[in-house]
Amino acid sequence: EQRTCFKTRHQVYCEEMGFEDTRPNKM
């Protein structure tokens, strides 16, 4: 469940919005 949250955050903040750098593990 924690990984689900981290992956969603990566999807939104890193991939969709570009607020943070993308991570190889997508979290």
PDB file of all heavy atoms in Angstrom:
ATOM      1  N   GLU A   1       0.832  -1.204   0.000  1.00  0.00           N
ATOM      2  CA  GLU A   1       0.000   0.000   0.000  1.00  0.00           C
ATOM      3  C   GLU A   1       0.869   1.257   0.000  1.00  0.00           C
ATOM      4  O   GLU A   1       0.548   2.242  -0.682  1.00  0.00           O
ATOM      5  CB  GLU A   1      -0.909  -0.020   1.224  1.00  0.00           C
ATOM      6  CG  GLU A   1      -1.934  -1.150   1.192  1.00  0.00           C
ATOM      7  CD  GLU A   1      -2.651  -1.338   2.523  1.00  0.00           C
ATOM      8  OE1 GLU A   1      -2.114  -0.908   3.563  1.00  0.00           O
ATOM      9  OE2 GLU A   1      -3.756  -1.920   2.520  1.00  0.00           O
ATOM     10  N   GLN A   2       1.969   1.230   0.739  1.00  0.00           N
ATOM     11  CA  GLN A   2       2.884   2.369   0.716  1.00  0.00           C
ATOM     12  C   GLN A   2       3.497   2.533  -0.671  1.00  0.00           C
ATOM     13  O   GLN A   2       3.647   3.655  -1.170  1.00  0.00           O
ATOM     14  CB  GLN A   2       3.976   2.174   1.770  1.00  0.00           C
ATOM     15  CG  GLN A   2       3.449   2.177   3.198  1.00  0.00           C
ATOM     16  CD  GLN A   2       4.538   1.925   4.219  1.00  0.00           C
ATOM     17  OE1 GLN A   2       5.593   2.549   4.182  1.00  0.00           O
ATOM     18  NE2 GLN A   2       4.287   0.992   5.136  1.00  0.00           N
ATOM     19  N   ARG A   3       3.841   1.408  -1.293  1.00  0.00           N
ATOM     20  CA  ARG A   3       4.396   1.491  -2.645  1.00  0.00           C
ATOM     21  C   ARG A   3       3.365   2.064  -3.628  1.00  0.00           C
ATOM     22  O   ARG A   3       3.719   2.793  -4.547  1.00  0.00           O
ATOM     23  CB  ARG A   3       4.855   0.105  -3.116  1.00  0.00           C
ATOM     24  CG  ARG A   3       6.118  -0.397  -2.406  1.00  0.00           C
ATOM     25  CD  ARG A   3       6.483  -1.797  -2.870  1.00  0.00           C
ATOM     26  NE  ARG A   3       7.679  -2.293  -2.202  1.00  0.00           N
ATOM     27  CZ  ARG A   3       8.922  -2.119  -2.654  1.00  0.00           C
ATOM     28  NH1 ARG A   3       9.117  -1.478  -3.803  1.00  0.00           N
ATOM     29  NH2 ARG A   3       9.945  -2.599  -1.992  1.00  0.00           N
ATOM     30  N   THR A   4       2.104   1.724  -3.432  1.00  0.00           N
ATOM     31  CA  THR A   4       1.043   2.289  -4.275  1.00  0.00           C
ATOM     32  C   THR A   4       1.038   3.807  -4.186  1.00  0.00           C
ATOM     33  O   THR A   4       0.917   4.511  -5.197  1.00  0.00           O
ATOM     34  CB  THR A   4      -0.326   1.720  -3.854  1.00  0.00           C
ATOM     35  OG1 THR A   4      -0.358   0.317  -4.099  1.00  0.00           O
ATOM     36  CG2 THR A   4      -1.462   2.394  -4.638  1.00  0.00           C
ATOM     37  N   CYS A   5       1.169   4.337  -2.970  1.00  0.00           N
ATOM     38  CA  CYS A   5       1.199   5.792  -2.781  1.00  0.00           C
ATOM     39  C   CYS A   5       2.421   6.400  -3.459  1.00  0.00           C
ATOM     40  O   CYS A   5       2.321   7.418  -4.158  1.00  0.00           O
ATOM     41  CB  CYS A   5       1.201   6.129  -1.294  1.00  0.00           C
ATOM     42  SG  CYS A   5      -0.301   5.654  -0.415  1.00  0.00           S
ATOM     43  N   PHE A   6       3.594   5.794  -3.266  1.00  0.00           N
ATOM     44  CA  PHE A   6       4.824   6.326  -3.850  1.00  0.00           C
ATOM     45  C   PHE A   6       4.777   6.304  -5.372  1.00  0.00           C
ATOM     46  O   PHE A   6       5.258   7.225  -6.043  1.00  0.00           O
ATOM     47  CB  PHE A   6       6.035   5.536  -3.358  1.00  0.00           C
ATOM     48  CG  PHE A   6       6.272   5.612  -1.869  1.00  0.00           C
ATOM     49  CD1 PHE A   6       6.984   4.627  -1.205  1.00  0.00           C
ATOM     50  CD2 PHE A   6       5.775   6.673  -1.120  1.00  0.00           C
ATOM     51  CE1 PHE A   6       7.208   4.695   0.162  1.00  0.00           C
ATOM     52  CE2 PHE A   6       5.985   6.753   0.248  1.00  0.00           C
ATOM     53  CZ  PHE A   6       6.702   5.756   0.890  1.00  0.00           C
ATOM     54  N   LYS A   7       4.191   5.236  -5.942  1.00  0.00           N
ATOM     55  CA  LYS A   7       4.086   5.146  -7.397  1.00  0.00           C
ATOM     56  C   LYS A   7       3.120   6.190  -7.947  1.00  0.00           C
ATOM     57  O   LYS A   7       3.353   6.774  -9.011  1.00  0.00           O
ATOM     58  CB  LYS A   7       3.633   3.738  -7.799  1.00  0.00           C
ATOM     59  CG  LYS A   7       4.702   2.670  -7.601  1.00  0.00           C
ATOM     60  CD  LYS A   7       4.186   1.287  -7.963  1.00  0.00           C
ATOM     61  CE  LYS A   7       5.264   0.222  -7.761  1.00  0.00           C
ATOM     62  NZ  LYS A   7       4.756  -1.141  -8.080  1.00  0.00           N
ATOM     63  N   THR A   8       2.027   6.425  -7.229  1.00  0.00           N
ATOM     64  CA  THR A   8       1.076   7.451  -7.670  1.00  0.00           C
ATOM     65  C   THR A   8       1.721   8.825  -7.609  1.00  0.00           C
ATOM     66  O   THR A   8       1.536   9.648  -8.517  1.00  0.00           O
ATOM     67  CB  THR A   8      -0.189   7.412  -6.788  1.00  0.00           C
ATOM     68  OG1 THR A   8      -0.799   6.127  -6.889  1.00  0.00           O
ATOM     69  CG2 THR A   8      -1.188   8.480  -7.235  1.00  0.00           C
ATOM     70  N   ARG A   9       2.452   9.091  -6.550  1.00  0.00           N
ATOM     71  CA  ARG A   9       3.156  10.368  -6.443  1.00  0.00           C
ATOM     72  C   ARG A   9       4.147  10.540  -7.582  1.00  0.00           C
ATOM     73  O   ARG A   9       4.283  11.636  -8.151  1.00  0.00           O
ATOM     74  CB  ARG A   9       3.863  10.461  -5.082  1.00  0.00           C
ATOM     75  CG  ARG A   9       2.923  10.797  -3.942  1.00  0.00           C
ATOM     76  CD  ARG A   9       3.471  10.455  -2.582  1.00  0.00           C
ATOM     77  NE  ARG A   9       4.842  10.871  -2.352  1.00  0.00           N
ATOM     78  CZ  ARG A   9       5.488  10.706  -1.189  1.00  0.00           C
ATOM     79  NH1 ARG A   9       4.861  10.128  -0.166  1.00  0.00           N
ATOM     80  NH2 ARG A   9       6.727  11.118  -1.055  1.00  0.00           N
ATOM     81  N   HIS A  10       4.853   9.473  -7.946  1.00  0.00           N
ATOM     82  CA  HIS A  10       5.801   9.563  -9.054  1.00  0.00           C
ATOM     83  C   HIS A  10       5.063   9.861 -10.357  1.00  0.00           C
ATOM     84  O   HIS A  10       5.492  10.700 -11.160  1.00  0.00           O
ATOM     85  CB  HIS A  10       6.594   8.259  -9.183  1.00  0.00           C
ATOM     86  CG  HIS A  10       7.712   8.333 -10.176  1.00  0.00           C
ATOM     87  ND1 HIS A  10       7.512   8.154 -11.535  1.00  0.00           N
ATOM     88  CD2 HIS A  10       9.039   8.592 -10.011  1.00  0.00           C
ATOM     89  CE1 HIS A  10       8.665   8.283 -12.168  1.00  0.00           C
ATOM     90  NE2 HIS A  10       9.610   8.547 -11.275  1.00  0.00           N
ATOM     91  N   GLN A  11       3.948   9.172 -10.560  1.00  0.00           N
ATOM     92  CA  GLN A  11       3.165   9.390 -11.778  1.00  0.00           C
ATOM     93  C   GLN A  11       2.752  10.843 -11.913  1.00  0.00           C
ATOM     94  O   GLN A  11       2.867  11.440 -12.992  1.00  0.00           O
ATOM     95  CB  GLN A  11       1.931   8.491 -11.762  1.00  0.00           C
ATOM     96  CG  GLN A  11       1.001   8.691 -12.956  1.00  0.00           C
ATOM     97  CD  GLN A  11      -0.275   7.863 -12.825  1.00  0.00           C
ATOM     98  OE1 GLN A  11      -0.345   6.916 -12.032  1.00  0.00           O
ATOM     99  NE2 GLN A  11      -1.292   8.222 -13.596  1.00  0.00           N
ATOM    100  N   VAL A  12       2.269  11.442 -10.816  1.00  0.00           N
ATOM    101  CA  VAL A  12       1.739  12.804 -10.869  1.00  0.00           C
ATOM    102  C   VAL A  12       2.855  13.846 -10.813  1.00  0.00           C
ATOM    103  O   VAL A  12       2.956  14.718 -11.678  1.00  0.00           O
ATOM    104  CB  VAL A  12       0.729  13.035  -9.729  1.00  0.00           C
ATOM    105  CG1 VAL A  12       0.278  14.491  -9.698  1.00  0.00           C
ATOM    106  CG2 VAL A  12      -0.472  12.114  -9.899  1.00  0.00           C
ATOM    107  N   TYR A  13       3.710  13.762  -9.796  1.00  0.00           N
ATOM    108  CA  TYR A  13       4.699  14.815  -9.559  1.00  0.00           C
ATOM    109  C   TYR A  13       5.889  14.741 -10.505  1.00  0.00           C
ATOM    110  O   TYR A  13       6.464  15.788 -10.856  1.00  0.00           O
ATOM    111  CB  TYR A  13       5.181  14.759  -8.105  1.00  0.00           C
ATOM    112  CG  TYR A  13       4.207  15.385  -7.135  1.00  0.00           C
ATOM    113  CD1 TYR A  13       3.157  14.650  -6.600  1.00  0.00           C
ATOM    114  CD2 TYR A  13       4.309  16.725  -6.766  1.00  0.00           C
ATOM    115  CE1 TYR A  13       2.243  15.219  -5.734  1.00  0.00           C
ATOM    116  CE2 TYR A  13       3.407  17.300  -5.897  1.00  0.00           C
ATOM    117  CZ  TYR A  13       2.373  16.547  -5.383  1.00  0.00           C
ATOM    118  OH  TYR A  13       1.460  17.112  -4.527  1.00  0.00           O
ATOM    119  N   CYS A  14       6.279  13.533 -10.920  1.00  0.00           N
ATOM    120  CA  CYS A  14       7.464  13.394 -11.763  1.00  0.00           C
ATOM    121  C   CYS A  14       7.130  13.278 -13.249  1.00  0.00           C
ATOM    122  O   CYS A  14       7.765  13.932 -14.077  1.00  0.00           O
ATOM    123  CB  CYS A  14       8.278  12.169 -11.322  1.00  0.00           C
ATOM    124  SG  CYS A  14       8.791  12.190  -9.597  1.00  0.00           S
ATOM    125  N   GLU A  15       6.118  12.460 -13.574  1.00  0.00           N
ATOM    126  CA  GLU A  15       5.830  12.198 -14.977  1.00  0.00           C
ATOM    127  C   GLU A  15       4.838  13.195 -15.566  1.00  0.00           C
ATOM    128  O   GLU A  15       5.062  13.719 -16.667  1.00  0.00           O
ATOM    129  CB  GLU A  15       5.300  10.766 -15.131  1.00  0.00           C
ATOM    130  CG  GLU A  15       6.291   9.703 -14.688  1.00  0.00           C
ATOM    131  CD  GLU A  15       5.690   8.309 -14.703  1.00  0.00           C
ATOM    132  OE1 GLU A  15       4.691   8.098 -15.438  1.00  0.00           O
ATOM    133  OE2 GLU A  15       6.192   7.437 -13.981  1.00  0.00           O
ATOM    134  N   GLU A  16       3.736  13.461 -14.867  1.00  0.00           N
ATOM    135  CA  GLU A  16       2.697  14.323 -15.427  1.00  0.00           C
ATOM    136  C   GLU A  16       3.009  15.809 -15.257  1.00  0.00           C
ATOM    137  O   GLU A  16       2.792  16.599 -16.186  1.00  0.00           O
ATOM    138  CB  GLU A  16       1.352  14.008 -14.778  1.00  0.00           C
ATOM    139  CG  GLU A  16       0.840  12.613 -15.087  1.00  0.00           C
ATOM    140  CD  GLU A  16      -0.474  12.287 -14.389  1.00  0.00           C
ATOM    141  OE1 GLU A  16      -1.029  13.188 -13.725  1.00  0.00           O
ATOM    142  OE2 GLU A  16      -0.938  11.140 -14.510  1.00  0.00           O
ATOM    143  N   MET A  17       3.503  16.182 -14.079  1.00  0.00           N
ATOM    144  CA  MET A  17       3.693  17.601 -13.786  1.00  0.00           C
ATOM    145  C   MET A  17       5.151  18.058 -13.880  1.00  0.00           C
ATOM    146  O   MET A  17       5.415  19.247 -13.995  1.00  0.00           O
ATOM    147  CB  MET A  17       3.159  17.923 -12.389  1.00  0.00           C
ATOM    148  CG  MET A  17       1.719  17.478 -12.137  1.00  0.00           C
ATOM    149  SD  MET A  17       0.527  18.143 -13.330  1.00  0.00           S
ATOM    150  CE  MET A  17       0.632  19.893 -12.998  1.00  0.00           C
ATOM    151  N   GLY A  18       6.095  17.134 -13.799  1.00  0.00           N
ATOM    152  CA  GLY A  18       7.509  17.496 -13.892  1.00  0.00           C
ATOM    153  C   GLY A  18       8.027  18.286 -12.703  1.00  0.00           C
ATOM    154  O   GLY A  18       9.017  19.016 -12.816  1.00  0.00           O
ATOM    155  N   PHE A  19       7.383  18.151 -11.539  1.00  0.00           N
ATOM    156  CA  PHE A  19       7.827  18.864 -10.338  1.00  0.00           C
ATOM    157  C   PHE A  19       9.107  18.273  -9.767  1.00  0.00           C
ATOM    158  O   PHE A  19       9.898  18.968  -9.124  1.00  0.00           O
ATOM    159  CB  PHE A  19       6.734  18.828  -9.260  1.00  0.00           C
ATOM    160  CG  PHE A  19       5.535  19.678  -9.564  1.00  0.00           C
ATOM    161  CD1 PHE A  19       4.303  19.403  -8.984  1.00  0.00           C
ATOM    162  CD2 PHE A  19       5.623  20.759 -10.422  1.00  0.00           C
ATOM    163  CE1 PHE A  19       3.198  20.185  -9.252  1.00  0.00           C
ATOM    164  CE2 PHE A  19       4.517  21.550 -10.707  1.00  0.00           C
ATOM    165  CZ  PHE A  19       3.300  21.258 -10.115  1.00  0.00           C
ATOM    166  N   GLU A  20       9.286  16.967  -9.939  1.00  0.00           N
ATOM    167  CA  GLU A  20      10.470  16.273  -9.435  1.00  0.00           C
ATOM    168  C   GLU A  20      11.073  15.462 -10.570  1.00  0.00           C
ATOM    169  O   GLU A  20      10.406  15.142 -11.567  1.00  0.00           O
ATOM    170  CB  GLU A  20      10.097  15.337  -8.269  1.00  0.00           C
ATOM    171  CG  GLU A  20       9.409  16.010  -7.092  1.00  0.00           C
ATOM    172  CD  GLU A  20      10.372  16.780  -6.209  1.00  0.00           C
ATOM    173  OE1 GLU A  20      11.600  16.647  -6.428  1.00  0.00           O
ATOM    174  OE2 GLU A  20       9.908  17.516  -5.312  1.00  0.00           O
ATOM    175  N   ASP A  21      12.365  15.113 -10.416  1.00  0.00           N
ATOM    176  CA  ASP A  21      13.019  14.272 -11.407  1.00  0.00           C
ATOM    177  C   ASP A  21      12.432  12.861 -11.363  1.00  0.00           C
ATOM    178  O   ASP A  21      12.053  12.357 -10.299  1.00  0.00           O
ATOM    179  CB  ASP A  21      14.521  14.194 -11.133  1.00  0.00           C
ATOM    180  CG  ASP A  21      15.205  15.547 -11.326  1.00  0.00           C
ATOM    181  OD1 ASP A  21      14.688  16.362 -12.115  1.00  0.00           O
ATOM    182  OD2 ASP A  21      16.257  15.766 -10.695  1.00  0.00           O
ATOM    183  N   THR A  22      12.363  12.223 -12.512  1.00  0.00           N
ATOM    184  CA  THR A  22      11.878  10.849 -12.547  1.00  0.00           C
ATOM    185  C   THR A  22      12.889   9.924 -11.878  1.00  0.00           C
ATOM    186  O   THR A  22      14.095  10.207 -11.854  1.00  0.00           O
ATOM    187  CB  THR A  22      11.642  10.381 -13.992  1.00  0.00           C
ATOM    188  OG1 THR A  22      12.853  10.525 -14.743  1.00  0.00           O
ATOM    189  CG2 THR A  22      10.535  11.210 -14.644  1.00  0.00           C
ATOM    190  N   ARG A  23      12.395   8.834 -11.321  1.00  0.00           N
ATOM    191  CA  ARG A  23      13.238   7.866 -10.620  1.00  0.00           C
ATOM    192  C   ARG A  23      13.197   6.546 -11.385  1.00  0.00           C
ATOM    193  O   ARG A  23      12.141   6.147 -11.896  1.00  0.00           O
ATOM    194  CB  ARG A  23      12.736   7.631  -9.194  1.00  0.00           C
ATOM    195  CG  ARG A  23      12.247   8.900  -8.471  1.00  0.00           C
ATOM    196  CD  ARG A  23      13.370   9.803  -8.033  1.00  0.00           C
ATOM    197  NE  ARG A  23      12.881  11.071  -7.512  1.00  0.00           N
ATOM    198  CZ  ARG A  23      12.448  11.272  -6.271  1.00  0.00           C
ATOM    199  NH1 ARG A  23      12.394  10.266  -5.419  1.00  0.00           N
ATOM    200  NH2 ARG A  23      12.073  12.483  -5.883  1.00  0.00           N
ATOM    201  N   PRO A  24      14.315   5.828 -11.435  1.00  0.00           N
ATOM    202  CA  PRO A  24      14.325   4.523 -12.138  1.00  0.00           C
ATOM    203  C   PRO A  24      13.309   3.539 -11.591  1.00  0.00           C
ATOM    204  O   PRO A  24      12.743   2.742 -12.350  1.00  0.00           O
ATOM    205  CB  PRO A  24      15.759   4.029 -11.914  1.00  0.00           C
ATOM    206  CG  PRO A  24      16.568   5.268 -11.698  1.00  0.00           C
ATOM    207  CD  PRO A  24      15.659   6.211 -10.959  1.00  0.00           C
ATOM    208  N   ASN A  25      13.047   3.594 -10.282  1.00  0.00           N
ATOM    209  CA  ASN A  25      12.101   2.644  -9.682  1.00  0.00           C
ATOM    210  C   ASN A  25      10.655   3.120  -9.750  1.00  0.00           C
ATOM    211  O   ASN A  25       9.745   2.444  -9.250  1.00  0.00           O
ATOM    212  CB  ASN A  25      12.481   2.340  -8.240  1.00  0.00           C
ATOM    213  CG  ASN A  25      12.443   3.588  -7.349  1.00  0.00           C
ATOM    214  OD1 ASN A  25      12.106   4.683  -7.801  1.00  0.00           O
ATOM    215  ND2 ASN A  25      12.807   3.413  -6.091  1.00  0.00           N
ATOM    216  N   LYS A  26      10.416   4.294 -10.341  1.00  0.00           N
ATOM    217  CA  LYS A  26       9.072   4.836 -10.526  1.00  0.00           C
ATOM    218  C   LYS A  26       8.344   5.068  -9.198  1.00  0.00           C
ATOM    219  O   LYS A  26       7.115   4.978  -9.133  1.00  0.00           O
ATOM    220  CB  LYS A  26       8.226   3.923 -11.426  1.00  0.00           C
ATOM    221  CG  LYS A  26       8.791   3.696 -12.811  1.00  0.00           C
ATOM    222  CD  LYS A  26       8.833   4.981 -13.616  1.00  0.00           C
ATOM    223  CE  LYS A  26       9.314   4.734 -15.039  1.00  0.00           C
ATOM    224  NZ  LYS A  26       9.360   5.986 -15.835  1.00  0.00           N
ATOM    225  N   MET A  27       9.093   5.387  -8.160  1.00  0.00           N
ATOM    226  CA  MET A  27       8.494   5.697  -6.865  1.00  0.00           C
ATOM    227  C   MET A  27       9.069   7.001  -6.348  1.00  0.00           C
ATOM    228  O   MET A  27      10.297   7.177  -6.330  1.00  0.00           O
ATOM    229  CB  MET A  27       8.725   4.561  -5.861  1.00  0.00           C
ATOM    230  CG  MET A  27       7.870   3.343  -6.123  1.00  0.00           C
ATOM    231  SD  MET A  27       7.941   2.116  -4.791  1.00  0.00           S
ATOM    232  CE  MET A  27       9.541   1.395  -5.126  1.00  0.00           C
TER     233      MET A  27
END
